[in-house]
Amino acid sequence: MDDRDAIKQRMAELMQPIHQQILMCDDRKDQLMMASAMLIAAKDLFDLHIGETGRRTMFKDMLK
């Protein structure tokens, strides 16, 4: 297994509880609330690890 396969496998493992939580949402409103909370958590993690400038650059580069 190369590094990319190992990374993909680890990402899938980390996503399992998130997918399980999505399945527990009762309706569209719950899903949207969860998505909003996940966006905030993701933003906070990016800020913590790569800084606000790094996060902004990353997202700008994604939109190109």
Protein backbone atom coordinates (compact mmCIF):
# COMPACT_ATOMS: atom_id res chain seq x y z
CA MET A 1 0.00 0.00 0.00
CA ASP A 2 1.44 3.36 -0.99
CA ASP A 3 1.11 6.60 0.97
CA ARG A 4 -1.92 7.78 -1.02
CA ASP A 5 -3.80 4.56 -0.33
CA ALA A 6 -2.93 4.78 3.36
CA ILE A 7 -4.14 8.39 3.47
CA LYS A 8 -7.40 7.49 1.71
CA GLN A 9 -7.96 4.60 4.11
CA ARG A 10 -7.29 6.78 7.15
CA MET A 11 -9.60 9.52 5.85
CA ALA A 12 -12.36 6.94 5.34
CA GLU A 13 -11.87 5.72 8.93
CA LEU A 14 -12.08 9.28 10.26
CA MET A 15 -15.24 9.95 8.25
CA GLN A 16 -17.14 6.90 9.57
CA PRO A 17 -18.49 8.59 12.71
CA ILE A 18 -19.44 11.67 10.68
CA HIS A 19 -21.38 9.57 8.16
CA GLN A 20 -23.06 7.77 11.06
CA GLN A 21 -24.06 11.08 12.58
CA ILE A 22 -25.49 12.27 9.24
CA LEU A 23 -27.66 9.15 9.13
CA MET A 24 -28.99 10.06 12.57
CA CYS A 25 -30.31 13.42 11.34
CA ASP A 26 -34.09 13.41 11.32
CA ASP A 27 -34.70 15.86 8.51
CA ARG A 28 -33.27 18.48 6.16
CA LYS A 29 -33.04 21.04 8.97
CA ASP A 30 -30.92 18.69 11.10
CA GLN A 31 -28.66 17.96 8.12
CA LEU A 32 -28.17 21.67 7.40
CA MET A 33 -27.44 22.40 11.07
CA MET A 34 -24.88 19.60 11.09
CA ALA A 35 -23.29 20.84 7.87
CA SER A 36 -23.02 24.34 9.34
CA ALA A 37 -21.42 23.01 12.51
CA MET A 38 -18.96 20.92 10.46
CA LEU A 39 -17.98 23.96 8.37
CA ILE A 40 -17.26 25.97 11.51
CA ALA A 41 -15.26 23.09 13.02
CA ALA A 42 -13.29 22.64 9.78
CA LYS A 43 -12.54 26.37 9.59
CA ASP A 44 -11.33 26.35 13.19
CA LEU A 45 -9.07 23.33 12.52
CA PHE A 46 -7.55 24.95 9.44
CA ASP A 47 -6.96 28.17 11.38
CA LEU A 48 -5.30 26.22 14.19
CA HIS A 49 -2.97 24.24 11.93
CA ILE A 50 -2.24 26.50 8.94
CA GLY A 51 -3.39 29.88 10.20
CA GLU A 52 -6.07 32.20 8.90
CA THR A 53 -3.91 33.36 6.00
CA GLY A 54 -3.17 29.75 5.01
CA ARG A 55 -6.87 28.88 5.18
CA ARG A 56 -7.86 31.85 3.06
CA THR A 57 -5.17 31.03 0.48
CA MET A 58 -6.23 27.39 0.37
CA PHE A 59 -9.87 28.24 -0.27
CA LYS A 60 -9.01 30.90 -2.87
CA ASP A 61 -6.82 28.36 -4.68
CA MET A 62 -9.65 25.81 -4.62
CA LEU A 63 -11.95 28.27 -6.43
CA LYS A 64 -9.55 28.83 -9.33
